Amino acid sequence: MTLCHIRLELGRDQDFPDGSVERGYEFAAPLTDDGHLDRDEWRDVRDKCTVRRFWHNEPDEHGHLVHRGSGWAFHYDDEPVDEDEPLFKLDRHTLVQGEYVSITEHDGVLRTFRVVGVR
């Protein structure tokens, strides 16, 4: 299976009424034909399922897409597990352009991100 490269950008919220192209995530993951994460394939390629968090005026963070219990999260290198950023019900969402994904970030805030690219 080929890994897909997914780009998420911050969606509209109180602080960013137009969203932000300077805040988001880029990550690699195996997807099914309909755009869902493929957990079985992920098991075989988990070391290649990397993530980069980019945020205006902050250094990039690098880590991996992980599956814990029944959910998905971003785990960053050299961070404790309790610092993971859970992806809200990602097992039910499709990662196709134009869809939205919610992520609870390090500061505990649940933010919505728009899928702007899948290749």
PDB file of N, CA and C in Angstrom:
ATOM      1  N   MET A   1       0.840  -1.188   0.000  1.00  0.00           N
ATOM      2  CA  MET A   1       0.000   0.000   0.000  1.00  0.00           C
ATOM      3  C   MET A   1       0.879   1.243   0.000  1.00  0.00           C
ATOM      4  N   THR A   2       0.433   2.235  -0.692  1.00  0.00           N
ATOM      5  CA  THR A   2       1.119   3.516  -0.750  1.00  0.00           C
ATOM      6  C   THR A   2       0.616   4.413   0.370  1.00  0.00           C
ATOM      7  N   LEU A   3       1.541   5.094   1.005  1.00  0.00           N
ATOM      8  CA  LEU A   3       1.140   6.055   2.026  1.00  0.00           C
ATOM      9  C   LEU A   3       0.611   7.316   1.357  1.00  0.00           C
ATOM     10  N   CYS A   4      -0.416   7.867   1.943  1.00  0.00           N
ATOM     11  CA  CYS A   4      -0.946   9.145   1.483  1.00  0.00           C
ATOM     12  C   CYS A   4      -0.348  10.252   2.339  1.00  0.00           C
ATOM     13  N   HIS A   5      -0.164  11.406   1.737  1.00  0.00           N
ATOM     14  CA  HIS A   5       0.327  12.576   2.458  1.00  0.00           C
ATOM     15  C   HIS A   5      -0.845  13.541   2.579  1.00  0.00           C
ATOM     16  N   ILE A   6      -1.190  13.839   3.819  1.00  0.00           N
ATOM     17  CA  ILE A   6      -2.379  14.626   4.122  1.00  0.00           C
ATOM     18  C   ILE A   6      -1.951  15.957   4.726  1.00  0.00           C
ATOM     19  N   ARG A   7      -2.564  17.036   4.257  1.00  0.00           N
ATOM     20  CA  ARG A   7      -2.301  18.368   4.830  1.00  0.00           C
ATOM     21  C   ARG A   7      -3.588  18.889   5.438  1.00  0.00           C
ATOM     22  N   LEU A   8      -3.487  19.286   6.715  1.00  0.00           N
ATOM     23  CA  LEU A   8      -4.594  19.898   7.441  1.00  0.00           C
ATOM     24  C   LEU A   8      -4.225  21.337   7.757  1.00  0.00           C
ATOM     25  N   GLU A   9      -5.173  22.255   7.572  1.00  0.00           N
ATOM     26  CA  GLU A   9      -4.958  23.654   7.945  1.00  0.00           C
ATOM     27  C   GLU A   9      -6.060  24.077   8.894  1.00  0.00           C
ATOM     28  N   LEU A  10      -5.713  24.961   9.813  1.00  0.00           N
ATOM     29  CA  LEU A  10      -6.658  25.417  10.822  1.00  0.00           C
ATOM     30  C   LEU A  10      -7.917  25.959  10.173  1.00  0.00           C
ATOM     31  N   GLY A  11      -9.059  25.461  10.630  1.00  0.00           N
ATOM     32  CA  GLY A  11     -10.347  25.942  10.141  1.00  0.00           C
ATOM     33  C   GLY A  11     -10.755  27.224  10.857  1.00  0.00           C
ATOM     34  N   ARG A  12     -11.903  27.732  10.480  1.00  0.00           N
ATOM     35  CA  ARG A  12     -12.390  28.969  11.097  1.00  0.00           C
ATOM     36  C   ARG A  12     -12.707  28.746  12.577  1.00  0.00           C
ATOM     37  N   ASP A  13     -12.327  29.725  13.398  1.00  0.00           N
ATOM     38  CA  ASP A  13     -12.694  29.718  14.812  1.00  0.00           C
ATOM     39  C   ASP A  13     -12.706  31.155  15.319  1.00  0.00           C
ATOM     40  N   GLN A  14     -12.891  31.326  16.626  1.00  0.00           N
ATOM     41  CA  GLN A  14     -12.967  32.679  17.199  1.00  0.00           C
ATOM     42  C   GLN A  14     -11.713  33.491  16.921  1.00  0.00           C
ATOM     43  N   ASP A  15     -10.561  32.854  17.082  1.00  0.00           N
ATOM     44  CA  ASP A  15      -9.293  33.567  16.918  1.00  0.00           C
ATOM     45  C   ASP A  15      -8.913  33.778  15.457  1.00  0.00           C
ATOM     46  N   PHE A  16      -9.385  32.887  14.591  1.00  0.00           N
ATOM     47  CA  PHE A  16      -9.046  32.944  13.169  1.00  0.00           C
ATOM     48  C   PHE A  16     -10.323  32.781  12.346  1.00  0.00           C
ATOM     49  N   PRO A  17     -11.095  33.870  12.168  1.00  0.00           N
ATOM     50  CA  PRO A  17     -12.376  33.772  11.463  1.00  0.00           C
ATOM     51  C   PRO A  17     -12.277  33.276  10.024  1.00  0.00           C
ATOM     52  N   ASP A  18     -11.083  33.389   9.421  1.00  0.00           N
ATOM     53  CA  ASP A  18     -10.885  32.888   8.058  1.00  0.00           C
ATOM     54  C   ASP A  18     -10.036  31.625   8.033  1.00  0.00           C
ATOM     55  N   GLY A  19      -9.771  31.045   9.208  1.00  0.00           N
ATOM     56  CA  GLY A  19      -8.860  29.917   9.281  1.00  0.00           C
ATOM     57  C   GLY A  19      -7.427  30.407   9.150  1.00  0.00           C
ATOM     58  N   SER A  20      -6.480  29.489   8.971  1.00  0.00           N
ATOM     59  CA  SER A  20      -5.081  29.895   8.832  1.00  0.00           C
ATOM     60  C   SER A  20      -4.300  28.847   8.053  1.00  0.00           C
ATOM     61  N   VAL A  21      -3.667  29.283   6.972  1.00  0.00           N
ATOM     62  CA  VAL A  21      -2.805  28.394   6.192  1.00  0.00           C
ATOM     63  C   VAL A  21      -1.442  28.231   6.861  1.00  0.00           C
ATOM     64  N   GLU A  22      -1.151  29.047   7.888  1.00  0.00           N
ATOM     65  CA  GLU A  22       0.132  29.007   8.585  1.00  0.00           C
ATOM     66  C   GLU A  22       0.098  28.129   9.822  1.00  0.00           C
ATOM     67  N   ARG A  23      -1.028  27.447  10.053  1.00  0.00           N
ATOM     68  CA  ARG A  23      -1.193  26.618  11.245  1.00  0.00           C
ATOM     69  C   ARG A  23      -1.839  25.302  10.840  1.00  0.00           C
ATOM     70  N   GLY A  24      -1.151  24.198  11.120  1.00  0.00           N
ATOM     71  CA  GLY A  24      -1.743  22.924  10.752  1.00  0.00           C
ATOM     72  C   GLY A  24      -0.788  21.761  10.897  1.00  0.00           C
ATOM     73  N   TYR A  25      -1.091  20.726  10.142  1.00  0.00           N
ATOM     74  CA  TYR A  25      -0.362  19.459  10.209  1.00  0.00           C
ATOM     75  C   TYR A  25      -0.165  18.910   8.806  1.00  0.00           C
ATOM     76  N   GLU A  26       0.941  18.222   8.619  1.00  0.00           N
ATOM     77  CA  GLU A  26       1.168  17.401   7.440  1.00  0.00           C
ATOM     78  C   GLU A  26       1.576  16.038   7.966  1.00  0.00           C
ATOM     79  N   PHE A  27       0.902  14.986   7.492  1.00  0.00           N
ATOM     80  CA  PHE A  27       1.247  13.658   7.972  1.00  0.00           C
ATOM     81  C   PHE A  27       1.046  12.617   6.884  1.00  0.00           C
ATOM     82  N   ALA A  28       1.687  11.469   7.099  1.00  0.00           N
ATOM     83  CA  ALA A  28       1.599  10.345   6.171  1.00  0.00           C
ATOM     84  C   ALA A  28       0.824   9.228   6.847  1.00  0.00           C
ATOM     85  N   ALA A  29      -0.074   8.599   6.084  1.00  0.00           N
ATOM     86  CA  ALA A  29      -0.893   7.513   6.636  1.00  0.00           C
ATOM     87  C   ALA A  29      -1.456   6.666   5.498  1.00  0.00           C
ATOM     88  N   PRO A  30      -1.689   5.384   5.758  1.00  0.00           N
ATOM     89  CA  PRO A  30      -2.364   4.555   4.761  1.00  0.00           C
ATOM     90  C   PRO A  30      -3.866   4.787   4.841  1.00  0.00           C
ATOM     91  N   LEU A  31      -4.478   4.996   3.686  1.00  0.00           N
ATOM     92  CA  LEU A  31      -5.921   5.240   3.638  1.00  0.00           C
ATOM     93  C   LEU A  31      -6.594   4.167   2.785  1.00  0.00           C
ATOM     94  N   THR A  32      -7.831   3.871   3.138  1.00  0.00           N
ATOM     95  CA  THR A  32      -8.645   2.993   2.308  1.00  0.00           C
ATOM     96  C   THR A  32      -9.098   3.785   1.083  1.00  0.00           C
ATOM     97  N   ASP A  33      -9.697   3.102   0.133  1.00  0.00           N
ATOM     98  CA  ASP A  33     -10.158   3.776  -1.082  1.00  0.00           C
ATOM     99  C   ASP A  33     -11.170   4.878  -0.798  1.00  0.00           C
ATOM    100  N   ASP A  34     -11.930   4.748   0.306  1.00  0.00           N
ATOM    101  CA  ASP A  34     -12.931   5.773   0.630  1.00  0.00           C
ATOM    102  C   ASP A  34     -12.407   6.835   1.598  1.00  0.00           C
ATOM    103  N   GLY A  35     -11.083   6.821   1.901  1.00  0.00           N
ATOM    104  CA  GLY A  35     -10.481   7.894   2.682  1.00  0.00           C
ATOM    105  C   GLY A  35     -10.410   7.679   4.181  1.00  0.00           C
ATOM    106  N   HIS A  36     -10.683   6.470   4.659  1.00  0.00           N
ATOM    107  CA  HIS A  36     -10.545   6.177   6.086  1.00  0.00           C
ATOM    108  C   HIS A  36      -9.126   5.675   6.372  1.00  0.00           C
ATOM    109  N   LEU A  37      -8.668   5.923   7.601  1.00  0.00           N
ATOM    110  CA  LEU A  37      -7.385   5.358   7.991  1.00  0.00           C
ATOM    111  C   LEU A  37      -7.484   3.840   7.972  1.00  0.00           C
ATOM    112  N   ASP A  38      -6.456   3.197   7.466  1.00  0.00           N
ATOM    113  CA  ASP A  38      -6.413   1.740   7.383  1.00  0.00           C
ATOM    114  C   ASP A  38      -5.525   1.218   8.518  1.00  0.00           C
ATOM    115  N   ARG A  39      -6.166   0.807   9.608  1.00  0.00           N
ATOM    116  CA  ARG A  39      -5.417   0.399  10.798  1.00  0.00           C
ATOM    117  C   ARG A  39      -4.560  -0.837  10.534  1.00  0.00           C
ATOM    118  N   ASP A  40      -5.061  -1.775   9.751  1.00  0.00           N
ATOM    119  CA  ASP A  40      -4.275  -2.976   9.459  1.00  0.00           C
ATOM    120  C   ASP A  40      -2.995  -2.625   8.703  1.00  0.00           C
ATOM    121  N   GLU A  41      -3.100  -1.763   7.707  1.00  0.00           N
ATOM    122  CA  GLU A  41      -1.918  -1.334   6.963  1.00  0.00           C
ATOM    123  C   GLU A  41      -1.002  -0.486   7.842  1.00  0.00           C
ATOM    124  N   TRP A  42      -1.598   0.343   8.698  1.00  0.00           N
ATOM    125  CA  TRP A  42      -0.807   1.192   9.590  1.00  0.00           C
ATOM    126  C   TRP A  42       0.135   0.345  10.438  1.00  0.00           C
ATOM    127  N   ARG A  43      -0.347  -0.802  10.903  1.00  0.00           N
ATOM    128  CA  ARG A  43       0.494  -1.674  11.730  1.00  0.00           C
ATOM    129  C   ARG A  43       1.788  -2.045  11.013  1.00  0.00           C
ATOM    130  N   ASP A  44       1.709  -2.224   9.702  1.00  0.00           N
ATOM    131  CA  ASP A  44       2.879  -2.630   8.916  1.00  0.00           C
ATOM    132  C   ASP A  44       3.815  -1.470   8.579  1.00  0.00           C
ATOM    133  N   VAL A  45       3.308  -0.244   8.611  1.00  0.00           N
ATOM    134  CA  VAL A  45       4.115   0.911   8.187  1.00  0.00           C
ATOM    135  C   VAL A  45       4.149   2.024   9.232  1.00  0.00           C
ATOM    136  N   ARG A  46       3.821   1.708  10.465  1.00  0.00           N
ATOM    137  CA  ARG A  46       3.692   2.761  11.499  1.00  0.00           C
ATOM    138  C   ARG A  46       4.926   3.643  11.626  1.00  0.00           C
ATOM    139  N   ASP A  47       6.117   3.076  11.402  1.00  0.00           N
ATOM    140  CA  ASP A  47       7.336   3.885  11.511  1.00  0.00           C
ATOM    141  C   ASP A  47       7.435   4.941  10.413  1.00  0.00           C
ATOM    142  N   LYS A  48       6.693   4.751   9.327  1.00  0.00           N
ATOM    143  CA  LYS A  48       6.698   5.714   8.218  1.00  0.00           C
ATOM    144  C   LYS A  48       5.549   6.723   8.316  1.00  0.00           C
ATOM    145  N   CYS A  49       4.678   6.556   9.298  1.00  0.00           N
ATOM    146  CA  CYS A  49       3.514   7.447   9.461  1.00  0.00           C
ATOM    147  C   CYS A  49       3.904   8.638  10.323  1.00  0.00           C
ATOM    148  N   THR A  50       4.642   9.540   9.703  1.00  0.00           N
ATOM    149  CA  THR A  50       5.182  10.692  10.422  1.00  0.00           C
ATOM    150  C   THR A  50       4.225  11.883  10.353  1.00  0.00           C
ATOM    151  N   VAL A  51       4.426  12.810  11.287  1.00  0.00           N
ATOM    152  CA  VAL A  51       3.629  14.033  11.321  1.00  0.00           C
ATOM    153  C   VAL A  51       4.554  15.218  11.562  1.00  0.00           C
ATOM    154  N   ARG A  52       4.183  16.338  10.956  1.00  0.00           N
ATOM    155  CA  ARG A  52       4.847  17.626  11.216  1.00  0.00           C
ATOM    156  C   ARG A  52       3.755  18.616  11.571  1.00  0.00           C
ATOM    157  N   ARG A  53       3.869  19.187  12.758  1.00  0.00           N
ATOM    158  CA  ARG A  53       2.947  20.259  13.167  1.00  0.00           C
ATOM    159  C   ARG A  53       3.636  21.574  12.864  1.00  0.00           C
ATOM    160  N   PHE A  54       2.961  22.442  12.101  1.00  0.00           N
ATOM    161  CA  PHE A  54       3.512  23.757  11.804  1.00  0.00           C
ATOM    162  C   PHE A  54       2.564  24.810  12.372  1.00  0.00           C
ATOM    163  N   TRP A  55       3.141  25.809  13.011  1.00  0.00           N
ATOM    164  CA  TRP A  55       2.354  26.839  13.677  1.00  0.00           C
ATOM    165  C   TRP A  55       3.127  28.134  13.589  1.00  0.00           C
ATOM    166  N   HIS A  56       2.502  29.149  13.050  1.00  0.00           N
ATOM    167  CA  HIS A  56       3.141  30.444  12.841  1.00  0.00           C
ATOM    168  C   HIS A  56       3.909  30.898  14.086  1.00  0.00           C
ATOM    169  N   ASN A  57       5.159  31.304  13.880  1.00  0.00           N
ATOM    170  CA  ASN A  57       6.038  31.821  14.927  1.00  0.00           C
ATOM    171  C   ASN A  57       6.405  30.794  15.995  1.00  0.00           C
ATOM    172  N   GLU A  58       6.243  29.511  15.713  1.00  0.00           N
ATOM    173  CA  GLU A  58       6.673  28.453  16.628  1.00  0.00           C
ATOM    174  C   GLU A  58       7.503  27.450  15.830  1.00  0.00           C
ATOM    175  N   PRO A  59       8.460  26.792  16.485  1.00  0.00           N
ATOM    176  CA  PRO A  59       9.225  25.767  15.754  1.00  0.00           C
ATOM    177  C   PRO A  59       8.319  24.581  15.386  1.00  0.00           C
ATOM    178  N   ASP A  60       8.603  23.969  14.255  1.00  0.00           N
ATOM    179  CA  ASP A  60       7.859  22.772  13.854  1.00  0.00           C
ATOM    180  C   ASP A  60       8.065  21.673  14.888  1.00  0.00           C
ATOM    181  N   GLU A  61       7.035  20.834  15.051  1.00  0.00           N
ATOM    182  CA  GLU A  61       7.141  19.650  15.896  1.00  0.00           C
ATOM    183  C   GLU A  61       7.041  18.439  14.983  1.00  0.00           C
ATOM    184  N   HIS A  62       7.814  17.402  15.294  1.00  0.00           N
ATOM    185  CA  HIS A  62       7.840  16.197  14.469  1.00  0.00           C
ATOM    186  C   HIS A  62       7.539  14.977  15.326  1.00  0.00           C
ATOM    187  N   GLY A  63       6.772  14.055  14.768  1.00  0.00           N
ATOM    188  CA  GLY A  63       6.442  12.846  15.501  1.00  0.00           C
ATOM    189  C   GLY A  63       5.807  11.819  14.590  1.00  0.00           C
ATOM    190  N   HIS A  64       4.874  11.037  15.177  1.00  0.00           N
ATOM    191  CA  HIS A  64       4.235   9.937  14.456  1.00  0.00           C
ATOM    192  C   HIS A  64       2.735   9.882  14.740  1.00  0.00           C
ATOM    193  N   LEU A  65       2.024   9.315  13.793  1.00  0.00           N
ATOM    194  CA  LEU A  65       0.616   8.973  13.981  1.00  0.00           C
ATOM    195  C   LEU A  65       0.584   7.672  14.761  1.00  0.00           C
ATOM    196  N   VAL A  66      -0.125   7.661  15.892  1.00  0.00           N
ATOM    197  CA  VAL A  66      -0.190   6.471  16.733  1.00  0.00           C
ATOM    198  C   VAL A  66      -1.645   6.084  16.952  1.00  0.00           C
ATOM    199  N   HIS A  67      -1.831   4.812  17.275  1.00  0.00           N
ATOM    200  CA  HIS A  67      -3.162   4.298  17.618  1.00  0.00           C
ATOM    201  C   HIS A  67      -3.077   3.779  19.041  1.00  0.00           C
ATOM    202  N   ARG A  68      -3.909   4.354  19.912  1.00  0.00           N
ATOM    203  CA  ARG A  68      -3.918   3.946  21.321  1.00  0.00           C
ATOM    204  C   ARG A  68      -5.357   3.626  21.712  1.00  0.00           C
ATOM    205  N   GLY A  69      -5.554   2.447  22.265  1.00  0.00           N
ATOM    206  CA  GLY A  69      -6.909   2.057  22.644  1.00  0.00           C
ATOM    207  C   GLY A  69      -7.793   2.019  21.417  1.00  0.00           C
ATOM    208  N   SER A  70      -8.803   2.879  21.409  1.00  0.00           N
ATOM    209  CA  SER A  70      -9.714   2.920  20.256  1.00  0.00           C
ATOM    210  C   SER A  70      -9.534   4.184  19.422  1.00  0.00           C
ATOM    211  N   GLY A  71      -8.478   4.955  19.707  1.00  0.00           N
ATOM    212  CA  GLY A  71      -8.350   6.218  18.998  1.00  0.00           C
ATOM    213  C   GLY A  71      -6.982   6.473  18.405  1.00  0.00           C
ATOM    214  N   TRP A  72      -6.943   7.496  17.569  1.00  0.00           N
ATOM    215  CA  TRP A  72      -5.726   7.938  16.893  1.00  0.00           C
ATOM    216  C   TRP A  72      -5.217   9.209  17.542  1.00  0.00           C
ATOM    217  N   ALA A  73      -3.898   9.412  17.483  1.00  0.00           N
ATOM    218  CA  ALA A  73      -3.308  10.626  18.044  1.00  0.00           C
ATOM    219  C   ALA A  73      -1.999  10.918  17.329  1.00  0.00           C
ATOM    220  N   PHE A  74      -1.533  12.147  17.489  1.00  0.00           N
ATOM    221  CA  PHE A  74      -0.193  12.515  17.078  1.00  0.00           C
ATOM    222  C   PHE A  74       0.688  12.481  18.321  1.00  0.00           C
ATOM    223  N   HIS A  75       1.787  11.756  18.233  1.00  0.00           N
ATOM    224  CA  HIS A  75       2.749  11.682  19.326  1.00  0.00           C
ATOM    225  C   HIS A  75       4.058  12.287  18.829  1.00  0.00           C
ATOM    226  N   TYR A  76       4.603  13.211  19.616  1.00  0.00           N
ATOM    227  CA  TYR A  76       5.821  13.912  19.205  1.00  0.00           C
ATOM    228  C   TYR A  76       7.039  13.315  19.869  1.00  0.00           C
ATOM    229  N   ASP A  77       8.135  13.322  19.128  1.00  0.00           N
ATOM    230  CA  ASP A  77       9.391  12.766  19.610  1.00  0.00           C
ATOM    231  C   ASP A  77       9.762  13.400  20.949  1.00  0.00           C
ATOM    232  N   ASP A  78      10.221  12.572  21.860  1.00  0.00           N
ATOM    233  CA  ASP A  78      10.698  13.016  23.177  1.00  0.00           C
ATOM    234  C   ASP A  78       9.612  13.638  24.047  1.00  0.00           C
ATOM    235  N   GLU A  79       8.357  13.365  23.786  1.00  0.00           N
ATOM    236  CA  GLU A  79       7.259  13.864  24.624  1.00  0.00           C
ATOM    237  C   GLU A  79       6.615  12.688  25.339  1.00  0.00           C
ATOM    238  N   PRO A  80       6.132  12.886  26.570  1.00  0.00           N
ATOM    239  CA  PRO A  80       5.419  11.798  27.254  1.00  0.00           C
ATOM    240  C   PRO A  80       4.080  11.505  26.569  1.00  0.00           C
ATOM    241  N   VAL A  81       3.571  10.294  26.781  1.00  0.00           N
ATOM    242  CA  VAL A  81       2.316   9.872  26.151  1.00  0.00           C
ATOM    243  C   VAL A  81       1.158  10.799  26.513  1.00  0.00           C
ATOM    244  N   ASP A  82       1.159  11.334  27.729  1.00  0.00           N
ATOM    245  CA  ASP A  82       0.040  12.202  28.116  1.00  0.00           C
ATOM    246  C   ASP A  82       0.069  13.547  27.397  1.00  0.00           C
ATOM    247  N   GLU A  83       1.089  13.792  26.579  1.00  0.00           N
ATOM    248  CA  GLU A  83       1.158  15.002  25.760  1.00  0.00           C
ATOM    249  C   GLU A  83       0.686  14.754  24.326  1.00  0.00           C
ATOM    250  N   ASP A  84       0.237  13.531  24.032  1.00  0.00           N
ATOM    251  CA  ASP A  84      -0.268  13.228  22.690  1.00  0.00           C
ATOM    252  C   ASP A  84      -1.423  14.157  22.338  1.00  0.00           C
ATOM    253  N   GLU A  85      -1.609  14.385  21.042  1.00  0.00           N
ATOM    254  CA  GLU A  85      -2.727  15.197  20.554  1.00  0.00           C
ATOM    255  C   GLU A  85      -3.759  14.259  19.918  1.00  0.00           C
ATOM    256  N   PRO A  86      -4.844  13.948  20.652  1.00  0.00           N
ATOM    257  CA  PRO A  86      -5.856  13.033  20.111  1.00  0.00           C
ATOM    258  C   PRO A  86      -6.627  13.648  18.941  1.00  0.00           C
ATOM    259  N   LEU A  87      -6.937  12.799  17.973  1.00  0.00           N
ATOM    260  CA  LEU A  87      -7.752  13.190  16.826  1.00  0.00           C
ATOM    261  C   LEU A  87      -9.163  12.681  17.093  1.00  0.00           C
ATOM    262  N   PHE A  88     -10.108  13.575  17.168  1.00  0.00           N
ATOM    263  CA  PHE A  88     -11.468  13.261  17.588  1.00  0.00           C
ATOM    264  C   PHE A  88     -12.165  12.348  16.586  1.00  0.00           C
ATOM    265  N   LYS A  89     -12.480  11.138  17.021  1.00  0.00           N
ATOM    266  CA  LYS A  89     -13.236  10.158  16.237  1.00  0.00           C
ATOM    267  C   LYS A  89     -12.700   9.998  14.808  1.00  0.00           C
ATOM    268  N   LEU A  90     -11.377  10.003  14.685  1.00  0.00           N
ATOM    269  CA  LEU A  90     -10.791   9.919  13.347  1.00  0.00           C
ATOM    270  C   LEU A  90     -11.135   8.610  12.652  1.00  0.00           C
ATOM    271  N   ASP A  91     -11.418   7.570  13.434  1.00  0.00           N
ATOM    272  CA  ASP A  91     -11.785   6.297  12.824  1.00  0.00           C
ATOM    273  C   ASP A  91     -13.110   6.386  12.069  1.00  0.00           C
ATOM    274  N   ARG A  92     -13.897   7.419  12.335  1.00  0.00           N
ATOM    275  CA  ARG A  92     -15.201   7.594  11.675  1.00  0.00           C
ATOM    276  C   ARG A  92     -15.170   8.631  10.558  1.00  0.00           C
ATOM    277  N   HIS A  93     -14.107   9.410  10.495  1.00  0.00           N
ATOM    278  CA  HIS A  93     -14.026  10.488   9.508  1.00  0.00           C
ATOM    279  C   HIS A  93     -13.270  10.032   8.265  1.00  0.00           C
ATOM    280  N   THR A  94     -13.584  10.686   7.160  1.00  0.00           N
ATOM    281  CA  THR A  94     -12.829  10.440   5.942  1.00  0.00           C
ATOM    282  C   THR A  94     -11.824  11.569   5.752  1.00  0.00           C
ATOM    283  N   LEU A  95     -10.659  11.203   5.301  1.00  0.00           N
ATOM    284  CA  LEU A  95      -9.606  12.177   5.038  1.00  0.00           C
ATOM    285  C   LEU A  95      -9.588  12.449   3.541  1.00  0.00           C
ATOM    286  N   VAL A  96     -10.546  13.257   3.120  1.00  0.00           N
ATOM    287  CA  VAL A  96     -10.632  13.683   1.727  1.00  0.00           C
ATOM    288  C   VAL A  96     -10.708  15.204   1.722  1.00  0.00           C
ATOM    289  N   GLN A  97     -10.227  15.795   0.651  1.00  0.00           N
ATOM    290  CA  GLN A  97     -10.177  17.248   0.551  1.00  0.00           C
ATOM    291  C   GLN A  97     -11.543  17.854   0.833  1.00  0.00           C
ATOM    292  N   GLY A  98     -11.553  18.889   1.682  1.00  0.00           N
ATOM    293  CA  GLY A  98     -12.773  19.602   2.018  1.00  0.00           C
ATOM    294  C   GLY A  98     -13.429  19.142   3.311  1.00  0.00           C
ATOM    295  N   GLU A  99     -13.055  17.968   3.823  1.00  0.00           N
ATOM    296  CA  GLU A  99     -13.608  17.480   5.087  1.00  0.00           C
ATOM    297  C   GLU A  99     -12.890  18.155   6.255  1.00  0.00           C
ATOM    298  N   TYR A 100     -13.435  17.978   7.453  1.00  0.00           N
ATOM    299  CA  TYR A 100     -12.873  18.577   8.658  1.00  0.00           C
ATOM    300  C   TYR A 100     -12.522  17.507   9.679  1.00  0.00           C
ATOM    301  N   VAL A 101     -11.469  17.786  10.460  1.00  0.00           N
ATOM    302  CA  VAL A 101     -10.989  16.896  11.501  1.00  0.00           C
ATOM    303  C   VAL A 101     -10.748  17.740  12.745  1.00  0.00           C
ATOM    304  N   SER A 102     -11.089  17.217  13.923  1.00  0.00           N
ATOM    305  CA  SER A 102     -10.848  17.939  15.167  1.00  0.00           C
ATOM    306  C   SER A 102      -9.705  17.292  15.931  1.00  0.00           C
ATOM    307  N   ILE A 103      -8.839  18.137  16.487  1.00  0.00           N
ATOM    308  CA  ILE A 103      -7.659  17.688  17.216  1.00  0.00           C
ATOM    309  C   ILE A 103      -7.587  18.438  18.538  1.00  0.00           C
ATOM    310  N   THR A 104      -7.370  17.703  19.636  1.00  0.00           N
ATOM    311  CA  THR A 104      -7.132  18.337  20.924  1.00  0.00           C
ATOM    312  C   THR A 104      -5.635  18.560  21.038  1.00  0.00           C
ATOM    313  N   GLU A 105      -5.234  19.816  21.032  1.00  0.00           N
ATOM    314  CA  GLU A 105      -3.815  20.147  21.022  1.00  0.00           C
ATOM    315  C   GLU A 105      -3.236  20.162  22.437  1.00  0.00           C
ATOM    316  N   HIS A 106      -1.902  20.391  22.511  1.00  0.00           N
ATOM    317  CA  HIS A 106      -1.177  20.370  23.784  1.00  0.00           C
ATOM    318  C   HIS A 106      -1.824  21.253  24.851  1.00  0.00           C
ATOM    319  N   ASP A 107      -2.410  22.367  24.426  1.00  0.00           N
ATOM    320  CA  ASP A 107      -2.994  23.298  25.392  1.00  0.00           C
ATOM    321  C   ASP A 107      -4.385  22.868  25.844  1.00  0.00           C
ATOM    322  N   GLY A 108      -4.842  21.691  25.384  1.00  0.00           N
ATOM    323  CA  GLY A 108      -6.144  21.169  25.794  1.00  0.00           C
ATOM    324  C   GLY A 108      -7.312  21.693  24.988  1.00  0.00           C
ATOM    325  N   VAL A 109      -7.046  22.558  24.011  1.00  0.00           N
ATOM    326  CA  VAL A 109      -8.110  23.147  23.198  1.00  0.00           C
ATOM    327  C   VAL A 109      -8.403  22.241  22.003  1.00  0.00           C
ATOM    328  N   LEU A 110      -9.688  21.955  21.790  1.00  0.00           N
ATOM    329  CA  LEU A 110     -10.122  21.186  20.628  1.00  0.00           C
ATOM    330  C   LEU A 110     -10.277  22.154  19.461  1.00  0.00           C
ATOM    331  N   ARG A 111      -9.486  21.945  18.419  1.00  0.00           N
ATOM    332  CA  ARG A 111      -9.533  22.824  17.248  1.00  0.00           C
ATOM    333  C   ARG A 111      -9.913  22.009  16.016  1.00  0.00           C
ATOM    334  N   THR A 112     -10.551  22.694  15.076  1.00  0.00           N
ATOM    335  CA  THR A 112     -10.987  22.056  13.848  1.00  0.00           C
ATOM    336  C   THR A 112     -10.038  22.422  12.707  1.00  0.00           C
ATOM    337  N   PHE A 113      -9.678  21.408  11.933  1.00  0.00           N
ATOM    338  CA  PHE A 113      -8.767  21.579  10.815  1.00  0.00           C
ATOM    339  C   PHE A 113      -9.434  21.054   9.546  1.00  0.00           C
ATOM    340  N   ARG A 114      -9.177  21.748   8.456  1.00  0.00           N
ATOM    341  CA  ARG A 114      -9.739  21.356   7.152  1.00  0.00           C
ATOM    342  C   ARG A 114      -8.699  20.561   6.385  1.00  0.00           C
ATOM    343  N   VAL A 115      -9.146  19.473   5.767  1.00  0.00           N
ATOM    344  CA  VAL A 115      -8.275  18.689   4.888  1.00  0.00           C
ATOM    345  C   VAL A 115      -8.147  19.479   3.591  1.00  0.00           C
ATOM    346  N   VAL A 116      -6.933  19.965   3.317  1.00  0.00           N
ATOM    347  CA  VAL A 116      -6.731  20.778   2.104  1.00  0.00           C
ATOM    348  C   VAL A 116      -5.984  20.026   1.013  1.00  0.00           C
ATOM    349  N   GLY A 117      -5.433  18.871   1.359  1.00  0.00           N
ATOM    350  CA  GLY A 117      -4.741  18.102   0.346  1.00  0.00           C
ATOM    351  C   GLY A 117      -4.518  16.667   0.766  1.00  0.00           C
ATOM    352  N   VAL A 118      -4.700  15.758  -0.186  1.00  0.00           N
ATOM    353  CA  VAL A 118      -4.382  14.345   0.008  1.00  0.00           C
ATOM    354  C   VAL A 118      -3.728  13.884  -1.288  1.00  0.00           C
ATOM    355  N   ARG A 119      -2.493  13.424  -1.172  1.00  0.00           N
ATOM    356  CA  ARG A 119      -1.806  12.935  -2.376  1.00  0.00           C
ATOM    357  C   ARG A 119      -1.059  11.660  -2.058  1.00  0.00           C
TER     358      ARG A 119
END
